[in-house]
Protein backbone atom coordinates (compact mmCIF):
# COMPACT_ATOMS: atom_id res chain seq x y z
CA MET A 1 18.30 86.48 -228.24
CA THR A 2 15.92 85.11 -230.31
CA THR A 3 12.60 84.61 -228.68
CA LEU A 4 9.46 82.35 -230.06
CA ILE A 5 6.36 83.90 -228.65
CA LEU A 6 3.07 81.74 -228.87
CA GLY A 7 -0.21 84.03 -228.73
CA ALA A 8 1.21 87.00 -230.55
CA THR A 9 -1.56 88.21 -232.07
CA GLY A 10 -4.34 88.38 -229.66
CA ASP A 11 -4.59 91.50 -227.02
CA GLN A 12 -2.37 89.83 -224.96
CA GLY A 13 0.42 89.33 -226.97
CA GLN A 14 0.33 92.66 -228.40
CA PRO A 15 1.98 94.30 -225.79
CA LEU A 16 3.88 91.66 -225.10
CA VAL A 17 6.02 91.80 -228.74
CA ARG A 18 5.71 95.46 -227.99
CA ARG A 19 8.07 95.11 -224.77
CA ALA A 20 10.33 92.17 -226.32
CA LEU A 21 11.03 94.45 -229.03
CA ALA A 22 11.53 97.52 -226.62
CA ALA A 23 14.04 95.12 -224.53
CA GLY A 24 16.16 93.95 -227.65
CA LEU A 25 14.94 90.50 -228.08
CA ALA A 26 14.69 89.29 -231.89
CA VAL A 27 10.97 88.31 -232.04
CA ARG A 28 9.46 85.77 -233.88
CA ALA A 29 5.26 85.13 -233.90
CA GLY A 30 4.03 82.04 -234.11
CA THR A 31 0.81 81.53 -235.83
CA ARG A 32 -1.11 79.28 -238.23
CA GLN A 33 -1.15 81.30 -240.80
CA PRO A 34 2.14 83.37 -241.27
CA ASP A 35 1.45 85.02 -244.33
CA ALA A 36 -1.93 86.87 -242.66
CA PHE A 37 0.57 88.02 -239.71
CA PRO A 38 0.15 91.65 -239.87
CA ALA A 39 3.43 93.10 -240.75
CA LEU A 40 5.27 94.28 -237.72
CA ALA A 41 8.97 96.05 -237.77
CA ASP A 42 11.47 93.38 -236.54
CA VAL A 43 8.82 90.72 -236.18
CA THR A 44 9.20 87.39 -238.37
CA PRO A 45 5.95 85.09 -238.12
CA VAL A 46 6.39 81.63 -238.09
CA ARG A 47 4.19 78.64 -238.75
CA ALA A 48 3.25 77.04 -235.54
CA VAL A 49 0.62 74.75 -234.84
CA LEU A 50 -0.05 74.60 -230.84
CA THR A 51 -1.03 70.73 -230.90
CA GLU A 52 1.66 69.50 -233.05
CA ALA A 53 4.98 69.15 -231.74
CA GLU A 54 6.76 68.78 -234.76
CA SER A 55 5.74 72.24 -235.68
CA ILE A 56 6.46 73.76 -232.29
CA ALA A 57 10.11 72.30 -233.05
CA ALA A 58 10.67 73.36 -236.28
CA ALA A 59 9.10 77.18 -235.18
CA ALA A 60 11.81 77.03 -232.09
CA GLN A 61 14.71 76.02 -234.02
CA GLY A 62 17.50 78.42 -233.10
CA ALA A 63 15.47 80.32 -230.33
CA ARG A 64 16.72 80.39 -226.74
CA ALA A 65 13.30 80.89 -225.17
CA ILE A 66 9.38 80.76 -225.78
CA LEU A 67 7.07 82.67 -224.05
CA MET A 68 3.58 81.98 -224.52
CA HIS A 69 0.19 83.33 -224.20
CA LEU A 70 -2.57 80.37 -225.07
CA PRO A 71 -5.95 80.80 -226.42
CA PHE A 72 -8.19 80.02 -223.79
CA THR A 73 -9.88 77.00 -224.17
CA PHE A 74 -12.54 74.92 -221.77
CA ASP A 75 -11.70 72.00 -223.13
CA ARG A 76 -9.53 70.36 -220.92
CA ALA A 77 -8.32 67.59 -224.08
CA GLU A 78 -7.66 70.80 -226.15
CA ALA A 79 -5.26 72.30 -223.38
CA ARG A 80 -3.62 68.75 -222.48
CA ALA A 81 -2.89 68.39 -226.01
CA MET A 82 -1.57 71.90 -226.47
CA GLY A 83 0.66 71.37 -223.41
CA ALA A 84 2.10 68.30 -224.80
CA ALA A 85 2.84 69.25 -228.19
CA ILE A 86 4.92 72.71 -226.99
CA ALA A 87 6.75 71.04 -223.99
CA GLN A 88 7.72 68.28 -226.46
CA GLY A 89 8.33 71.01 -229.34
CA ALA A 90 10.42 73.18 -226.95
CA LYS A 91 12.72 70.31 -225.77
CA ALA A 92 13.14 69.09 -229.24
CA ALA A 93 14.47 72.78 -230.24
CA ARG A 94 16.49 72.63 -227.23
CA VAL A 95 14.77 75.65 -225.83
CA GLU A 96 16.54 76.98 -222.90
CA ARG A 97 13.54 78.61 -220.72
CA ILE A 98 9.76 78.86 -220.96
CA VAL A 99 7.32 81.67 -219.99
CA PHE A 100 4.19 80.61 -219.58
CA HIS A 101 1.50 83.02 -218.63
CA THR A 102 -1.51 81.13 -217.82
CA SER A 103 -4.05 84.58 -218.23
CA CYS A 104 -5.56 83.38 -214.83
CA VAL A 105 -5.21 82.21 -211.18
CA VAL A 106 -3.93 78.59 -211.18
CA MET A 107 -4.06 76.80 -207.87
CA ASP A 108 -2.47 73.86 -206.58
CA GLU A 109 -5.36 71.32 -207.16
CA ASP A 110 -7.56 70.46 -209.63
CA LEU A 111 -11.01 72.32 -208.98
CA GLY A 112 -13.16 70.86 -211.67
CA ILE A 113 -13.53 73.93 -213.71
CA ASP A 114 -11.95 72.08 -217.22
CA GLY A 115 -10.74 75.85 -217.99
CA HIS A 116 -8.98 75.78 -214.77
CA ASP A 117 -7.77 72.63 -214.67
CA GLY A 118 -6.38 72.16 -218.42
CA ARG A 119 -4.36 75.17 -217.55
CA ARG A 120 -3.05 72.83 -214.71
CA ASP A 121 -2.41 69.94 -217.35
CA ILE A 122 -0.32 72.57 -219.47
CA GLU A 123 1.64 73.69 -216.39
CA ALA A 124 2.50 70.02 -215.46
CA ALA A 125 3.48 69.11 -219.07
CA LEU A 126 5.86 72.13 -219.43
CA ALA A 127 7.44 71.09 -215.79
CA ALA A 128 7.89 67.61 -217.00
CA SER A 129 9.81 68.44 -220.47
CA GLY A 130 12.83 69.35 -218.53
CA VAL A 131 13.31 72.99 -219.76
CA PRO A 132 13.36 75.53 -217.08
CA THR A 133 10.11 77.62 -216.79
CA THR A 134 8.15 80.46 -214.81
CA PHE A 135 4.61 79.97 -214.32
CA LEU A 136 3.46 83.58 -214.61
CA ARG A 137 0.03 83.57 -213.48
CA SER A 138 -2.41 86.54 -213.37
CA THR A 139 -5.43 87.61 -211.64
CA VAL A 140 -8.09 89.59 -213.65
CA PHE A 141 -7.11 92.00 -216.09
CA MET A 142 -7.74 95.74 -216.11
CA GLU A 143 -8.16 95.53 -219.95
CA ASN A 144 -11.60 93.73 -219.08
CA MET A 145 -13.05 97.35 -218.58
CA ILE A 146 -13.03 98.20 -222.03
CA ARG A 147 -13.81 95.35 -223.58
CA PRO A 148 -17.44 95.21 -225.52
CA TRP A 149 -18.92 93.49 -222.43
CA VAL A 150 -18.38 96.22 -220.19
CA LYS A 151 -17.20 99.56 -221.73
CA PRO A 152 -20.47 100.36 -223.48
CA ALA A 153 -22.26 100.54 -219.91
CA ILE A 154 -19.83 102.51 -218.41
CA VAL A 155 -19.78 105.07 -221.00
CA ARG A 156 -23.23 105.52 -222.20
CA HIS A 157 -24.83 104.80 -218.32
CA GLY A 158 -22.32 105.65 -216.29
CA VAL A 159 -22.37 101.53 -214.83
CA PHE A 160 -19.68 98.87 -214.07
CA ALA A 161 -21.42 96.10 -214.30
CA TYR A 162 -18.90 93.34 -213.41
CA PRO A 163 -19.72 89.58 -212.36
CA ALA A 164 -18.41 90.27 -208.98
CA GLY A 165 -19.88 90.09 -205.67
CA PRO A 166 -19.95 93.34 -203.52
CA GLU A 167 -17.10 92.22 -201.13
CA LEU A 168 -15.02 90.09 -203.45
CA ARG A 169 -11.77 92.07 -203.72
CA ILE A 170 -9.62 91.81 -206.98
CA SER A 171 -6.20 93.18 -207.20
CA PHE A 172 -6.58 94.06 -211.29
CA VAL A 173 -3.32 94.06 -213.40
CA THR A 174 -2.59 95.50 -216.49
CA LEU A 175 -1.59 93.80 -220.08
CA GLU A 176 1.52 95.73 -220.27
CA ASP A 177 2.65 94.85 -216.80
CA VAL A 178 2.13 91.21 -217.67
CA ALA A 179 4.27 91.26 -220.74
CA GLU A 180 6.93 93.48 -218.61
CA ALA A 181 7.00 90.72 -215.82
CA MET A 182 7.27 87.88 -218.81
CA VAL A 183 10.20 89.85 -220.28
CA ARG A 184 11.74 90.11 -217.04
CA ALA A 185 11.20 86.34 -215.98
CA LEU A 186 13.12 85.80 -219.25
CA ARG A 187 15.81 88.48 -218.44
CA VAL A 188 16.77 88.54 -215.09
CA GLY A 189 14.88 85.55 -213.53
CA LEU A 190 11.63 85.23 -211.54
CA PRO A 191 10.72 82.26 -209.02
CA GLU A 192 9.10 79.54 -210.45
CA ARG A 193 5.36 80.56 -209.97
CA VAL A 194 4.34 83.90 -209.87
CA LEU A 195 0.99 85.12 -209.25
CA LEU A 196 1.03 88.90 -210.86
CA GLY A 197 -1.74 91.17 -209.37
CA GLY A 198 -2.11 95.09 -209.27
CA PRO A 199 -0.96 97.43 -206.05
CA GLU A 200 -4.69 97.45 -204.71
CA ALA A 201 -7.28 94.32 -203.68
CA LEU A 202 -10.38 96.43 -204.77
CA THR A 203 -14.33 95.67 -204.49
CA GLY A 204 -16.78 96.58 -207.38
CA ASP A 205 -17.17 100.04 -205.59
CA MET A 206 -13.57 101.00 -205.16
CA VAL A 207 -13.07 100.38 -209.22
CA ALA A 208 -16.36 102.57 -209.48
CA GLU A 209 -14.79 105.14 -207.57
CA ARG A 210 -11.19 105.49 -209.66
CA LEU A 211 -13.09 105.02 -213.03
CA SER A 212 -15.27 108.31 -211.80
CA ALA A 213 -12.10 109.89 -211.01
CA ALA A 214 -10.23 109.11 -214.14
CA THR A 215 -13.78 109.71 -216.34
CA GLY A 216 -14.56 112.91 -214.51
CA ARG A 217 -18.30 111.85 -213.99
CA PRO A 218 -19.92 109.44 -211.07
CA ILE A 219 -19.83 105.47 -212.47
CA ARG A 220 -21.58 103.13 -209.91
CA PHE A 221 -20.80 99.46 -209.65
CA GLN A 222 -23.44 97.00 -210.33
CA SER A 223 -22.76 93.72 -209.29
CA LEU A 224 -23.94 90.93 -211.85
CA SER A 225 -24.15 86.95 -211.30
CA PRO A 226 -22.34 84.84 -212.70
CA ASP A 227 -25.75 83.74 -214.54
CA GLU A 228 -26.22 86.92 -215.48
CA PHE A 229 -23.02 87.78 -216.90
CA ALA A 230 -23.29 84.73 -218.89
CA ARG A 231 -26.82 85.72 -220.13
CA ARG A 232 -25.31 89.21 -221.41
CA MET A 233 -22.03 87.49 -222.86
CA SER A 234 -24.75 85.20 -224.96
CA LEU A 235 -27.05 88.30 -225.88
CA LEU A 236 -23.90 89.78 -227.13
CA VAL A 237 -22.51 87.49 -229.29
CA THR A 238 -25.41 85.60 -230.26
CA GLY A 239 -28.41 87.79 -229.88
CA SER A 240 -30.31 85.44 -227.69
CA VAL A 241 -29.87 85.20 -223.64
CA GLU A 242 -30.11 81.38 -224.05
CA VAL A 243 -27.29 79.94 -221.94
CA GLU A 244 -26.65 76.17 -222.56
CA LYS A 245 -25.36 74.23 -219.69
CA GLY A 246 -22.21 73.25 -220.23
CA GLY A 247 -21.86 75.41 -223.03
CA LEU A 248 -18.84 78.83 -223.74
CA TYR A 249 -20.62 81.10 -221.67
CA ASP A 250 -21.58 78.86 -218.45
CA ARG A 251 -18.07 77.93 -218.80
CA MET A 252 -17.07 81.35 -218.25
CA ALA A 253 -19.07 82.02 -215.38
CA GLU A 254 -18.44 78.90 -213.74
CA PHE A 255 -14.91 80.55 -213.19
CA TYR A 256 -16.90 83.99 -211.67
CA ARG A 257 -18.73 81.49 -209.54
CA TRP A 258 -16.02 80.13 -208.21
CA TYR A 259 -14.28 83.55 -207.68
CA ASN A 260 -17.48 84.89 -205.70
CA ARG A 261 -17.62 81.72 -203.10
CA THR A 262 -13.81 81.20 -202.47
CA GLU A 263 -12.55 82.70 -199.11
CA PRO A 264 -10.30 84.49 -198.75
CA SER A 265 -10.47 85.72 -202.52
CA PRO A 266 -8.19 83.86 -205.08
CA LEU A 267 -7.96 87.19 -207.09
CA VAL A 268 -5.78 89.24 -203.96
CA ALA A 269 -2.08 89.11 -205.14
CA ASP A 270 0.74 89.86 -203.04
CA LEU A 271 1.89 93.29 -203.67
CA GLU A 272 5.49 92.25 -202.43
CA ALA A 273 5.97 89.53 -204.95
CA SER A 274 3.97 91.56 -207.77
CA THR A 275 6.58 94.64 -207.26
CA ALA A 276 9.65 91.97 -206.95
CA ALA A 277 8.20 90.40 -210.52
CA LEU A 278 8.21 93.35 -211.84
CA GLY A 279 11.25 95.09 -210.36
CA ARG A 280 8.81 98.44 -209.21
CA ARG A 281 5.24 98.58 -207.57
CA PRO A 282 2.55 97.54 -210.27
CA THR A 283 0.38 100.08 -212.17
CA THR A 284 -2.56 101.43 -210.43
CA LEU A 285 -6.00 101.12 -211.45
CA LEU A 286 -6.36 104.85 -211.87
CA ASP A 287 -3.31 105.85 -213.47
CA TRP A 288 -4.29 102.84 -216.50
CA ALA A 289 -7.76 104.32 -216.47
CA ARG A 290 -6.66 107.84 -216.91
CA ARG A 291 -4.57 106.60 -220.41
CA GLN A 292 -8.07 105.06 -221.71
CA ASP A 293 -10.52 106.78 -224.18
CA TRP A 294 -13.88 107.11 -222.34
CA ARG A 295 -15.39 109.12 -225.12
CA SER A 296 -16.30 106.46 -227.08
CA ALA A 297 -18.59 103.18 -226.04
CA ASP A 298 -17.10 101.27 -228.98
CA GLY A 299 -13.23 102.31 -228.63
CA ARG A 300 -10.97 100.03 -227.05
CA GLY A 301 -7.42 102.02 -227.36
CA GLY A 302 -5.63 104.53 -224.87
CA LYS A 303 -6.21 108.30 -225.25
CA GLU A 304 -2.93 108.52 -228.16
CA GLU A 305 -4.47 105.66 -230.28
CA ALA A 306 -7.71 107.85 -229.93
CA GLY A 307 -5.97 110.79 -231.39
CA ASP A 308 -5.35 112.58 -227.93
CA ARG A 309 -1.48 113.60 -227.85
CA SER A 310 -1.91 115.82 -225.55
């Protein structure tokens, strides 16, 4: 089955490409610059501009399905343009199915948060296209813990610092499980909307306990306010702790403000639904953490990628 993957080059797209290939799918990777796409066996790069319907239609011509992770945007107008273009392009190419991973929790009403509401606009455009679509929503990725804004503090100081209140529970999920669920949605079918999460609803202290067990040394949880999180993100990227109101880091923090004030936690997934989506129990945080390389503050790969093949 020929399948167009949108968002194939990013952290979310790479495990999806691997899983799709393992499932025997013929993969096309949609990208603005096919010539710059890394050479991967059995993957055909094609030009796809996410806001141009004709580009999407050409990229999807002859493909039976589209699997998509989209760049996260906090510009609602841009998200709406992406949704409209992909919906029109998929319909014009006579695509038989779309699987859209929203990369976040999406509620059934607008929240006044552009990043969230733009995702709802994309969902609405795809639903209106008439192309059968599965909307795979996810909680929070375990891989956040190996990003530059979290991992160095774990490795150097034994601190898991995260913008979650002490009581906020999160069903952290792996990107590998997301990829598996997306391919499963294509191969065997899933409900129209699924919230995918891990098997445990964890507080920050519980995450620290599991990281301690995986790393073999004490890790403690530090609860950051969303505003402190925004300042740290700004410092990491720009060298300044100044956060512009309505700017990128303020908008990122906006999600976590909502997570922390909402009860019950919107980041807790139903285990039965997640298990059904995967055809197995989701990966635990401890099992995932044991596969990571905690020897380096900079490395983001698992033990195999770091050279430990024992």
